[in-house]
């Protein structure tokens, strides 16, 4: 049997061996933990270094222009135009307007009765020449006033190139026991058919009847060139 002192020494050796084993195990665990932490931190730093974006590159060239789009729908039709002047259709256009006026008083009693004369014989304003386009039409109108003495009358018409004549405007005062002079006025219009291109002359013509005196007062001749659109 071992002595008491030897038994105590054996027990102490065992306790010291246990303490040394525990200390060694704690150091190993600590080393493992430190190694794991170092691996995690290294991985995070490496990931951050690779994830960080680099500098922006230069802008590339613009691509080719795309194809032109389809044409839009046609808009709604506009409103109907205003009617033409003096009964001319609204689809026609007026290219020229010429106008002459004269307010001088002329006694035409000396002209032979029942015979046509041009007013331009004594008043050049009552004759207008106009240059028109092919197939244009001429619209002419005369407004005038007269003094008539019984019995007398005056017939007025518009002539184009002495070939195309308007209808007649007849102003008349018949015989009566009453004497004196009377003032009256008249208006006449004329629209030709389509004409050839070139110069065309418009005349105002008159014819008188009766034995009474007849005087021509103020008069206005208006001529227009009208073309079909």
C-alpha atoms as a PDB file:
ATOM      1  CA  UNK A   1       0.000   0.000   0.000  1.00  0.00           C
ATOM      2  CA  UNK A   2       1.060   3.537  -0.870  1.00  0.00           C
ATOM      3  CA  UNK A   3       1.851   5.893   1.865  1.00  0.00           C
ATOM      4  CA  UNK A   4      -0.376   8.790   2.581  1.00  0.00           C
ATOM      5  CA  UNK A   5       2.020  11.336   1.247  1.00  0.00           C
ATOM      6  CA  UNK A   6       2.438   9.537  -1.996  1.00  0.00           C
ATOM      7  CA  UNK A   7      -1.314   9.341  -2.424  1.00  0.00           C
ATOM      8  CA  UNK A   8      -1.593  13.068  -1.983  1.00  0.00           C
ATOM      9  CA  UNK A   9       1.083  13.639  -4.595  1.00  0.00           C
ATOM     10  CA  UNK A  10      -0.694  11.466  -7.099  1.00  0.00           C
ATOM     11  CA  UNK A  11      -3.935  13.333  -6.550  1.00  0.00           C
ATOM     12  CA  UNK A  12      -2.226  16.673  -7.088  1.00  0.00           C
ATOM     13  CA  UNK A  13      -0.662  15.431 -10.334  1.00  0.00           C
ATOM     14  CA  UNK A  14      -4.042  14.385 -11.597  1.00  0.00           C
ATOM     15  CA  UNK A  15      -5.629  17.717 -10.745  1.00  0.00           C
ATOM     16  CA  UNK A  16      -2.789  19.639 -12.416  1.00  0.00           C
ATOM     17  CA  UNK A  17      -3.088  17.418 -15.494  1.00  0.00           C
ATOM     18  CA  UNK A  18      -6.822  18.145 -15.674  1.00  0.00           C
ATOM     19  CA  UNK A  19      -6.230  21.900 -15.337  1.00  0.00           C
ATOM     20  CA  UNK A  20      -3.602  21.809 -18.082  1.00  0.00           C
ATOM     21  CA  UNK A  21      -5.924  19.874 -20.429  1.00  0.00           C
ATOM     22  CA  UNK A  22      -8.758  22.348 -19.835  1.00  0.00           C
ATOM     23  CA  UNK A  23      -6.416  25.288 -20.454  1.00  0.00           C
ATOM     24  CA  UNK A  24      -5.206  23.719 -23.702  1.00  0.00           C
ATOM     25  CA  UNK A  25      -8.801  23.099 -24.848  1.00  0.00           C
ATOM     26  CA  UNK A  26      -9.803  26.719 -24.115  1.00  0.00           C
ATOM     27  CA  UNK A  27      -6.824  27.972 -26.141  1.00  0.00           C
ATOM     28  CA  UNK A  28      -7.832  25.768 -29.092  1.00  0.00           C
ATOM     29  CA  UNK A  29     -11.459  26.977 -28.961  1.00  0.00           C
ATOM     30  CA  UNK A  30     -10.292  30.605 -28.800  1.00  0.00           C
ATOM     31  CA  UNK A  31      -7.982  30.039 -31.763  1.00  0.00           C
ATOM     32  CA  UNK A  32     -10.826  28.504 -33.771  1.00  0.00           C
ATOM     33  CA  UNK A  33     -13.147  31.441 -32.981  1.00  0.00           C
ATOM     34  CA  UNK A  34     -10.462  33.962 -33.924  1.00  0.00           C
ATOM     35  CA  UNK A  35      -9.836  32.048 -37.164  1.00  0.00           C
ATOM     36  CA  UNK A  36     -13.551  32.051 -38.047  1.00  0.00           C
ATOM     37  CA  UNK A  37     -13.852  35.785 -37.363  1.00  0.00           C
ATOM     38  CA  UNK A  38     -10.788  36.491 -39.482  1.00  0.00           C
ATOM     39  CA  UNK A  39     -12.279  34.461 -42.368  1.00  0.00           C
ATOM     40  CA  UNK A  40     -15.608  36.334 -42.178  1.00  0.00           C
ATOM     41  CA  UNK A  41     -13.918  39.759 -42.106  1.00  0.00           C
ATOM     42  CA  UNK A  42     -11.591  38.843 -44.965  1.00  0.00           C
ATOM     43  CA  UNK A  43     -14.520  37.608 -47.092  1.00  0.00           C
ATOM     44  CA  UNK A  44     -16.492  40.800 -46.415  1.00  0.00           C
ATOM     45  CA  UNK A  45     -13.552  43.011 -47.359  1.00  0.00           C
ATOM     46  CA  UNK A  46     -12.911  41.004 -50.514  1.00  0.00           C
ATOM     47  CA  UNK A  47     -16.603  41.149 -51.550  1.00  0.00           C
ATOM     48  CA  UNK A  48     -16.747  44.903 -50.966  1.00  0.00           C
ATOM     49  CA  UNK A  49     -13.615  45.383 -53.058  1.00  0.00           C
ATOM     50  CA  UNK A  50     -15.093  43.440 -56.011  1.00  0.00           C
ATOM     51  CA  UNK A  51     -18.648  44.903 -55.716  1.00  0.00           C
ATOM     52  CA  UNK A  52     -17.529  48.555 -55.822  1.00  0.00           C
ATOM     53  CA  UNK A  53     -18.317  49.934 -59.381  1.00  0.00           C
ATOM     54  CA  UNK A  54     -15.516  51.163 -61.587  1.00  0.00           C
ATOM     55  CA  UNK A  55     -15.380  54.592 -63.394  1.00  0.00           C
ATOM     56  CA  UNK A  56     -18.076  55.313 -66.026  1.00  0.00           C
ATOM     57  CA  UNK A  57     -17.049  54.719 -69.644  1.00  0.00           C
ATOM     58  CA  UNK A  58     -17.420  57.194 -72.536  1.00  0.00           C
ATOM     59  CA  UNK A  59     -20.868  57.710 -74.121  1.00  0.00           C
ATOM     60  CA  UNK A  60     -21.486  55.607 -77.216  1.00  0.00           C
ATOM     61  CA  UNK A  61     -22.505  56.930 -80.636  1.00  0.00           C
ATOM     62  CA  UNK A  62     -26.227  57.689 -81.287  1.00  0.00           C
ATOM     63  CA  UNK A  63     -28.137  54.980 -83.084  1.00  0.00           C
ATOM     64  CA  UNK A  64     -29.666  55.480 -86.548  1.00  0.00           C
ATOM     65  CA  UNK A  65     -32.929  57.503 -86.843  1.00  0.00           C
ATOM     66  CA  UNK A  66     -36.095  55.453 -86.785  1.00  0.00           C
ATOM     67  CA  UNK A  67     -38.572  55.249 -89.648  1.00  0.00           C
ATOM     68  CA  UNK A  68     -41.056  58.092 -90.237  1.00  0.00           C
ATOM     69  CA  UNK A  69     -44.471  57.529 -88.690  1.00  0.00           C
ATOM     70  CA  UNK A  70     -47.711  57.254 -90.619  1.00  0.00           C
ATOM     71  CA  UNK A  71     -49.489  60.423 -91.823  1.00  0.00           C
ATOM     72  CA  UNK A  72     -52.317  61.558 -89.584  1.00  0.00           C
ATOM     73  CA  UNK A  73     -55.961  61.502 -90.570  1.00  0.00           C
ATOM     74  CA  UNK A  74     -57.376  64.310 -92.760  1.00  0.00           C
ATOM     75  CA  UNK A  75     -59.202  66.952 -90.754  1.00  0.00           C
ATOM     76  CA  UNK A  76     -62.883  67.778 -91.142  1.00  0.00           C
ATOM     77  CA  UNK A  77     -64.064  69.774 -94.154  1.00  0.00           C
ATOM     78  CA  UNK A  78     -64.257  73.535 -93.679  1.00  0.00           C
ATOM     79  CA  UNK A  79     -67.421  75.599 -93.774  1.00  0.00           C
ATOM     80  CA  UNK A  80     -69.064  76.658 -97.025  1.00  0.00           C
ATOM     81  CA  UNK A  81     -67.658  79.906 -98.415  1.00  0.00           C
ATOM     82  CA  UNK A  82     -69.646  83.099 -98.679  1.00  0.00           C
ATOM     83  CA  UNK A  83     -71.811  83.584-101.758  1.00  0.00           C
ATOM     84  CA  UNK A  84     -70.199  85.371-104.708  1.00  0.00           C
ATOM     85  CA  UNK A  85     -70.806  89.014-105.514  1.00  0.00           C
ATOM     86  CA  UNK A  86     -73.921  89.901-107.507  1.00  0.00           C
ATOM     87  CA  UNK A  87     -75.166  86.339-107.837  1.00  0.00           C
ATOM     88  CA  UNK A  88     -71.870  84.853-109.035  1.00  0.00           C
ATOM     89  CA  UNK A  89     -71.428  81.317-107.712  1.00  0.00           C
ATOM     90  CA  UNK A  90     -69.399  81.025-104.499  1.00  0.00           C
ATOM     91  CA  UNK A  91     -66.910  78.648-106.163  1.00  0.00           C
ATOM     92  CA  UNK A  92     -65.782  81.438-108.542  1.00  0.00           C
ATOM     93  CA  UNK A  93     -62.993  83.932-107.861  1.00  0.00           C
ATOM     94  CA  UNK A  94     -62.774  87.597-108.850  1.00  0.00           C
ATOM     95  CA  UNK A  95     -59.377  88.351-110.406  1.00  0.00           C
ATOM     96  CA  UNK A  96     -59.849  91.989-111.443  1.00  0.00           C
ATOM     97  CA  UNK A  97     -62.247  94.795-110.613  1.00  0.00           C
ATOM     98  CA  UNK A  98     -62.218  97.973-112.726  1.00  0.00           C
ATOM     99  CA  UNK A  99     -64.551 100.896-112.168  1.00  0.00           C
ATOM    100  CA  UNK A 100     -65.153 104.248-113.908  1.00  0.00           C
ATOM    101  CA  UNK A 101     -67.476 107.007-112.752  1.00  0.00           C
ATOM    102  CA  UNK A 102     -68.588 110.300-114.278  1.00  0.00           C
ATOM    103  CA  UNK A 103     -71.029 112.838-112.871  1.00  0.00           C
ATOM    104  CA  UNK A 104     -71.080 115.359-115.749  1.00  0.00           C
ATOM    105  CA  UNK A 105     -74.446 116.178-117.314  1.00  0.00           C
ATOM    106  CA  UNK A 106     -74.841 115.417-121.058  1.00  0.00           C
ATOM    107  CA  UNK A 107     -77.802 116.263-123.309  1.00  0.00           C
ATOM    108  CA  UNK A 108     -78.339 113.386-125.759  1.00  0.00           C
ATOM    109  CA  UNK A 109     -81.494 114.770-127.406  1.00  0.00           C
ATOM    110  CA  UNK A 110     -79.612 115.510-130.631  1.00  0.00           C
ATOM    111  CA  UNK A 111     -78.862 111.823-131.290  1.00  0.00           C
ATOM    112  CA  UNK A 112     -81.113 110.134-133.848  1.00  0.00           C
ATOM    113  CA  UNK A 113     -83.967 108.138-132.397  1.00  0.00           C
ATOM    114  CA  UNK A 114     -84.140 104.304-132.607  1.00  0.00           C
ATOM    115  CA  UNK A 115     -80.423 103.945-133.287  1.00  0.00           C
ATOM    116  CA  UNK A 116     -77.783 102.471-130.973  1.00  0.00           C
ATOM    117  CA  UNK A 117     -74.783 104.580-129.931  1.00  0.00           C
ATOM    118  CA  UNK A 118     -71.844 104.056-127.598  1.00  0.00           C
ATOM    119  CA  UNK A 119     -71.726 106.382-124.610  1.00  0.00           C
ATOM    120  CA  UNK A 120     -67.956 106.415-125.066  1.00  0.00           C
ATOM    121  CA  UNK A 121     -68.554 108.726-128.063  1.00  0.00           C
ATOM    122  CA  UNK A 122     -68.920 111.567-125.545  1.00  0.00           C
ATOM    123  CA  UNK A 123     -67.715 109.897-122.313  1.00  0.00           C
ATOM    124  CA  UNK A 124     -64.590 107.717-122.429  1.00  0.00           C
ATOM    125  CA  UNK A 125     -65.303 106.495-118.883  1.00  0.00           C
ATOM    126  CA  UNK A 126     -68.150 104.365-120.281  1.00  0.00           C
ATOM    127  CA  UNK A 127     -65.695 102.113-122.121  1.00  0.00           C
ATOM    128  CA  UNK A 128     -63.356  99.673-120.333  1.00  0.00           C
ATOM    129  CA  UNK A 129     -60.879  97.212-121.866  1.00  0.00           C
ATOM    130  CA  UNK A 130     -59.743  94.305-119.691  1.00  0.00           C
ATOM    131  CA  UNK A 131     -57.204  91.516-120.245  1.00  0.00           C
ATOM    132  CA  UNK A 132     -58.589  88.158-119.061  1.00  0.00           C
ATOM    133  CA  UNK A 133     -57.353  84.590-118.740  1.00  0.00           C
ATOM    134  CA  UNK A 134     -58.581  81.666-120.823  1.00  0.00           C
ATOM    135  CA  UNK A 135     -62.177  80.692-119.962  1.00  0.00           C
ATOM    136  CA  UNK A 136     -62.641  83.634-117.603  1.00  0.00           C
ATOM    137  CA  UNK A 137     -66.016  85.385-117.603  1.00  0.00           C
ATOM    138  CA  UNK A 138     -66.730  89.113-117.508  1.00  0.00           C
ATOM    139  CA  UNK A 139     -69.273  90.577-115.119  1.00  0.00           C
ATOM    140  CA  UNK A 140     -70.276  94.195-115.841  1.00  0.00           C
ATOM    141  CA  UNK A 141     -72.821  96.496-114.232  1.00  0.00           C
ATOM    142  CA  UNK A 142     -73.989 100.068-114.834  1.00  0.00           C
ATOM    143  CA  UNK A 143     -75.776 102.365-112.423  1.00  0.00           C
ATOM    144  CA  UNK A 144     -76.964 105.686-113.897  1.00  0.00           C
ATOM    145  CA  UNK A 145     -79.588 108.417-113.659  1.00  0.00           C
ATOM    146  CA  UNK A 146     -81.403 110.523-116.298  1.00  0.00           C
ATOM    147  CA  UNK A 147     -83.671 113.482-116.818  1.00  0.00           C
ATOM    148  CA  UNK A 148     -86.586 112.850-119.246  1.00  0.00           C
ATOM    149  CA  UNK A 149     -89.019 115.299-120.814  1.00  0.00           C
ATOM    150  CA  UNK A 150     -92.380 114.130-122.159  1.00  0.00           C
ATOM    151  CA  UNK A 151     -92.659 112.207-124.358  1.00  0.00           C
ATOM    152  CA  UNK A 152     -89.302 110.431-124.339  1.00  0.00           C
ATOM    153  CA  UNK A 153     -87.560 107.228-123.348  1.00  0.00           C
ATOM    154  CA  UNK A 154     -84.023 105.833-123.220  1.00  0.00           C
ATOM    155  CA  UNK A 155     -82.875 102.231-123.682  1.00  0.00           C
ATOM    156  CA  UNK A 156     -79.607 101.088-122.116  1.00  0.00           C
ATOM    157  CA  UNK A 157     -77.559  97.914-122.645  1.00  0.00           C
ATOM    158  CA  UNK A 158     -74.019  96.613-122.020  1.00  0.00           C
ATOM    159  CA  UNK A 159     -72.034  95.198-124.953  1.00  0.00           C
ATOM    160  CA  UNK A 160     -68.840  93.106-124.790  1.00  0.00           C
ATOM    161  CA  UNK A 161     -66.707  93.184-127.958  1.00  0.00           C
ATOM    162  CA  UNK A 162     -69.898  94.396-129.730  1.00  0.00           C
ATOM    163  CA  UNK A 163     -70.875  90.701-129.918  1.00  0.00           C
ATOM    164  CA  UNK A 164     -72.365  89.917-126.512  1.00  0.00           C
ATOM    165  CA  UNK A 165     -75.228  92.103-125.377  1.00  0.00           C
ATOM    166  CA  UNK A 166     -77.014  92.290-122.056  1.00  0.00           C
ATOM    167  CA  UNK A 167     -80.750  92.552-121.593  1.00  0.00           C
ATOM    168  CA  UNK A 168     -82.281  96.034-121.858  1.00  0.00           C
ATOM    169  CA  UNK A 169     -82.987  98.643-119.236  1.00  0.00           C
ATOM    170  CA  UNK A 170     -85.803 100.887-120.552  1.00  0.00           C
ATOM    171  CA  UNK A 171     -86.693 104.181-118.848  1.00  0.00           C
ATOM    172  CA  UNK A 172     -89.720 105.982-120.303  1.00  0.00           C
ATOM    173  CA  UNK A 173     -92.164 108.828-119.705  1.00  0.00           C
ATOM    174  CA  UNK A 174     -95.254 108.910-121.899  1.00  0.00           C
ATOM    175  CA  UNK A 175     -97.303 111.817-123.362  1.00  0.00           C
ATOM    176  CA  UNK A 176     -99.520 113.743-120.989  1.00  0.00           C
ATOM    177  CA  UNK A 177    -101.193 117.082-120.686  1.00  0.00           C
ATOM    178  CA  UNK A 178     -98.862 117.831-117.786  1.00  0.00           C
ATOM    179  CA  UNK A 179     -95.543 119.365-118.693  1.00  0.00           C
ATOM    180  CA  UNK A 180     -92.180 119.267-116.963  1.00  0.00           C
ATOM    181  CA  UNK A 181     -89.151 117.034-116.641  1.00  0.00           C
ATOM    182  CA  UNK A 182     -88.682 113.931-114.499  1.00  0.00           C
ATOM    183  CA  UNK A 183     -85.595 112.339-113.015  1.00  0.00           C
ATOM    184  CA  UNK A 184     -85.232 108.581-112.917  1.00  0.00           C
ATOM    185  CA  UNK A 185     -82.482 106.009-112.460  1.00  0.00           C
ATOM    186  CA  UNK A 186     -81.663 102.568-113.741  1.00  0.00           C
ATOM    187  CA  UNK A 187     -79.341  99.617-113.095  1.00  0.00           C
ATOM    188  CA  UNK A 188     -78.270  96.838-115.452  1.00  0.00           C
ATOM    189  CA  UNK A 189     -75.927  93.828-115.133  1.00  0.00           C
ATOM    190  CA  UNK A 190     -74.349  91.372-117.539  1.00  0.00           C
ATOM    191  CA  UNK A 191     -72.369  88.120-117.092  1.00  0.00           C
ATOM    192  CA  UNK A 192     -70.733  86.640-120.175  1.00  0.00           C
ATOM    193  CA  UNK A 193     -69.994  83.031-121.045  1.00  0.00           C
ATOM    194  CA  UNK A 194     -66.350  81.822-120.735  1.00  0.00           C
ATOM    195  CA  UNK A 195     -64.119  83.912-123.015  1.00  0.00           C
ATOM    196  CA  UNK A 196     -60.839  83.406-124.826  1.00  0.00           C
ATOM    197  CA  UNK A 197     -57.721  84.791-123.173  1.00  0.00           C
ATOM    198  CA  UNK A 198     -56.768  88.330-124.172  1.00  0.00           C
ATOM    199  CA  UNK A 199     -58.226  91.836-124.355  1.00  0.00           C
ATOM    200  CA  UNK A 200     -61.988  92.367-124.272  1.00  0.00           C
ATOM    201  CA  UNK A 201     -63.807  95.709-124.508  1.00  0.00           C
ATOM    202  CA  UNK A 202     -66.964  96.609-122.580  1.00  0.00           C
ATOM    203  CA  UNK A 203     -69.173  99.422-123.918  1.00  0.00           C
ATOM    204  CA  UNK A 204     -72.329 101.027-122.572  1.00  0.00           C
ATOM    205  CA  UNK A 205     -74.792 101.619-125.416  1.00  0.00           C
ATOM    206  CA  UNK A 206     -77.968 103.721-125.534  1.00  0.00           C
ATOM    207  CA  UNK A 207     -80.902 104.329-127.825  1.00  0.00           C
ATOM    208  CA  UNK A 208     -83.463 107.131-127.449  1.00  0.00           C
ATOM    209  CA  UNK A 209     -87.083 107.504-128.508  1.00  0.00           C
ATOM    210  CA  UNK A 210     -89.643 110.339-128.502  1.00  0.00           C
ATOM    211  CA  UNK A 211     -89.406 114.067-129.112  1.00  0.00           C
ATOM    212  CA  UNK A 212     -88.716 115.201-125.554  1.00  0.00           C
ATOM    213  CA  UNK A 213     -85.236 116.074-124.398  1.00  0.00           C
ATOM    214  CA  UNK A 214     -83.128 113.499-122.606  1.00  0.00           C
ATOM    215  CA  UNK A 215     -80.168 114.221-120.351  1.00  0.00           C
ATOM    216  CA  UNK A 216     -77.664 111.746-118.955  1.00  0.00           C
ATOM    217  CA  UNK A 217     -76.575 112.470-115.365  1.00  0.00           C
ATOM    218  CA  UNK A 218     -74.194 110.560-113.058  1.00  0.00           C
ATOM    219  CA  UNK A 219     -73.121 107.058-114.131  1.00  0.00           C
ATOM    220  CA  UNK A 220     -70.829 104.308-112.762  1.00  0.00           C
ATOM    221  CA  UNK A 221     -69.528 101.363-114.804  1.00  0.00           C
ATOM    222  CA  UNK A 222     -67.969  98.386-112.944  1.00  0.00           C
ATOM    223  CA  UNK A 223     -66.237  95.464-114.714  1.00  0.00           C
ATOM    224  CA  UNK A 224     -64.921  92.256-113.102  1.00  0.00           C
ATOM    225  CA  UNK A 225     -62.967  89.261-114.384  1.00  0.00           C
ATOM    226  CA  UNK A 226     -64.275  86.032-112.838  1.00  0.00           C
ATOM    227  CA  UNK A 227     -62.603  82.641-113.080  1.00  0.00           C
ATOM    228  CA  UNK A 228     -64.005  79.249-112.088  1.00  0.00           C
ATOM    229  CA  UNK A 229     -61.987  77.415-109.420  1.00  0.00           C
END
